[in-house]
Amino acid sequence: MVERCPGCGMRFEREEGFFLGVYFLNITLTQVVLMAYVAIVFVLTLPDAPLAAILAGAAAIAVVVPVALYPACRTLWAAVHLGMQPLEPAEQADAAAFRFERGDAAPDPDR
């Protein structure tokens, strides 16, 4: 994962412990997928639900989904946090300095 936004130069990790929200979001989405899987499989296979197969599928989901969703959760959390707490002037200056060092410090026409 990159340290900064490739477009604006904002640091993704804005403060210590910033990505605790990512873990919460990732666990929550994994639990939603897991509960949906178990509910759907039970409904489709009742009255003789194959418990061993359902548990194996649930274990696979519990391992694969958090790993697969982590990059998306990290991006989503950065966007949510930026919406709740806009960049401070020092962070804007840091991003501008990064863009200047990178060589693309031209003013953004959209701002």
Protein backbone atom coordinates (compact mmCIF):
# COMPACT_ATOMS: atom_id res chain seq x y z
CA MET A 1 0.00 0.00 0.00
CA VAL A 2 1.24 3.45 -0.81
CA GLU A 3 1.99 6.00 1.91
CA ARG A 4 0.35 8.95 0.11
CA CYS A 5 -2.52 9.62 -2.26
CA PRO A 6 -1.12 9.55 -5.80
CA GLY A 7 -3.33 12.47 -6.81
CA CYS A 8 -3.15 15.05 -4.02
CA GLY A 9 -0.20 13.84 -1.94
CA MET A 10 -2.17 13.49 1.31
CA ARG A 11 -0.68 11.06 3.85
CA PHE A 12 -3.12 8.21 4.35
CA GLU A 13 -2.04 7.59 7.95
CA ARG A 14 -2.88 10.98 9.40
CA GLU A 15 -2.28 10.14 13.07
CA GLU A 16 -1.07 7.28 15.21
CA GLY A 17 -3.68 4.53 15.36
CA PHE A 18 -5.44 5.90 12.28
CA PHE A 19 -6.11 2.49 10.79
CA LEU A 20 -7.92 1.02 13.78
CA GLY A 21 -11.06 2.10 11.96
CA VAL A 22 -9.97 -0.02 8.99
CA TYR A 23 -9.84 -3.11 11.17
CA PHE A 24 -13.29 -2.40 12.58
CA LEU A 25 -14.71 -1.85 9.10
CA ASN A 26 -13.01 -4.99 7.76
CA ILE A 27 -14.26 -7.18 10.62
CA THR A 28 -17.78 -5.79 10.29
CA LEU A 29 -17.95 -6.47 6.54
CA THR A 30 -16.51 -9.95 7.05
CA GLN A 31 -19.16 -10.72 9.67
CA VAL A 32 -21.93 -9.52 7.35
CA VAL A 33 -20.66 -11.75 4.52
CA LEU A 34 -20.26 -14.68 6.92
CA MET A 35 -23.77 -14.33 8.38
CA ALA A 36 -25.29 -14.00 4.91
CA TYR A 37 -23.44 -17.14 3.74
CA VAL A 38 -24.54 -19.22 6.73
CA ALA A 39 -28.16 -18.04 6.49
CA ILE A 40 -28.42 -18.67 2.74
CA VAL A 41 -26.77 -22.09 2.91
CA PHE A 42 -28.97 -23.20 5.80
CA VAL A 43 -32.13 -22.06 4.01
CA LEU A 44 -31.11 -23.83 0.80
CA THR A 45 -30.07 -27.10 2.45
CA LEU A 46 -32.66 -27.61 5.19
CA PRO A 47 -33.79 -30.07 6.57
CA ASP A 48 -30.49 -31.97 6.12
CA ALA A 49 -27.89 -29.21 6.32
CA PRO A 50 -24.32 -30.52 5.84
CA LEU A 51 -22.73 -28.93 8.90
CA ALA A 52 -19.15 -29.95 8.07
CA ALA A 53 -19.38 -28.38 4.60
CA ILE A 54 -21.02 -25.23 5.98
CA LEU A 55 -18.31 -24.87 8.62
CA ALA A 56 -15.57 -25.40 6.03
CA GLY A 57 -17.09 -22.71 3.81
CA ALA A 58 -17.44 -20.37 6.80
CA ALA A 59 -13.80 -20.94 7.76
CA ALA A 60 -12.70 -20.17 4.19
CA ILE A 61 -14.78 -16.98 4.20
CA ALA A 62 -13.35 -15.95 7.59
CA VAL A 63 -9.84 -16.18 6.14
CA VAL A 64 -10.27 -14.99 2.54
CA VAL A 65 -12.75 -12.09 2.89
CA PRO A 66 -10.72 -9.94 5.34
CA VAL A 67 -7.58 -10.32 3.22
CA ALA A 68 -9.44 -9.56 0.00
CA LEU A 69 -11.35 -6.57 1.42
CA TYR A 70 -8.47 -4.93 3.32
CA PRO A 71 -7.33 -2.59 0.50
CA ALA A 72 -10.91 -1.47 -0.19
CA CYS A 73 -11.58 -0.97 3.55
CA ARG A 74 -8.39 1.06 3.90
CA THR A 75 -9.42 3.37 1.06
CA LEU A 76 -13.00 3.63 2.34
CA TRP A 77 -11.84 4.46 5.86
CA ALA A 78 -9.47 7.17 4.56
CA ALA A 79 -12.40 8.73 2.69
CA VAL A 80 -14.73 8.51 5.70
CA HIS A 81 -12.11 10.02 7.99
CA LEU A 82 -11.35 12.81 5.53
CA GLY A 83 -15.06 13.59 5.35
CA MET A 84 -15.34 13.71 9.14
CA GLN A 85 -12.07 15.57 9.71
CA PRO A 86 -10.84 17.65 6.75
CA LEU A 87 -7.13 18.25 6.25
CA GLU A 88 -5.57 20.74 8.62
CA PRO A 89 -3.39 23.53 7.18
CA ALA A 90 -0.19 21.69 8.18
CA GLU A 91 -1.38 18.56 6.35
CA GLN A 92 -2.27 20.62 3.27
CA ALA A 93 1.19 22.20 3.33
CA ASP A 94 2.82 18.77 3.67
CA ALA A 95 0.84 17.48 0.68
CA ALA A 96 1.75 20.57 -1.36
CA ALA A 97 5.44 20.13 -0.50
CA PHE A 98 5.24 16.49 -1.55
CA ARG A 99 3.65 17.44 -4.88
CA PHE A 100 6.31 20.13 -5.40
CA GLU A 101 9.12 17.64 -4.77
CA ARG A 102 7.40 15.23 -7.15
CA GLY A 103 7.31 17.95 -9.80
CA ASP A 104 3.59 18.44 -10.29
CA ALA A 105 2.83 21.32 -7.95
CA ALA A 106 0.73 23.20 -10.52
CA PRO A 107 -2.51 24.59 -9.05
CA ASP A 108 -5.44 22.20 -9.23
CA PRO A 109 -8.05 23.67 -11.62
CA ASP A 110 -10.89 21.90 -9.75
CA ARG A 111 -10.26 23.78 -6.48
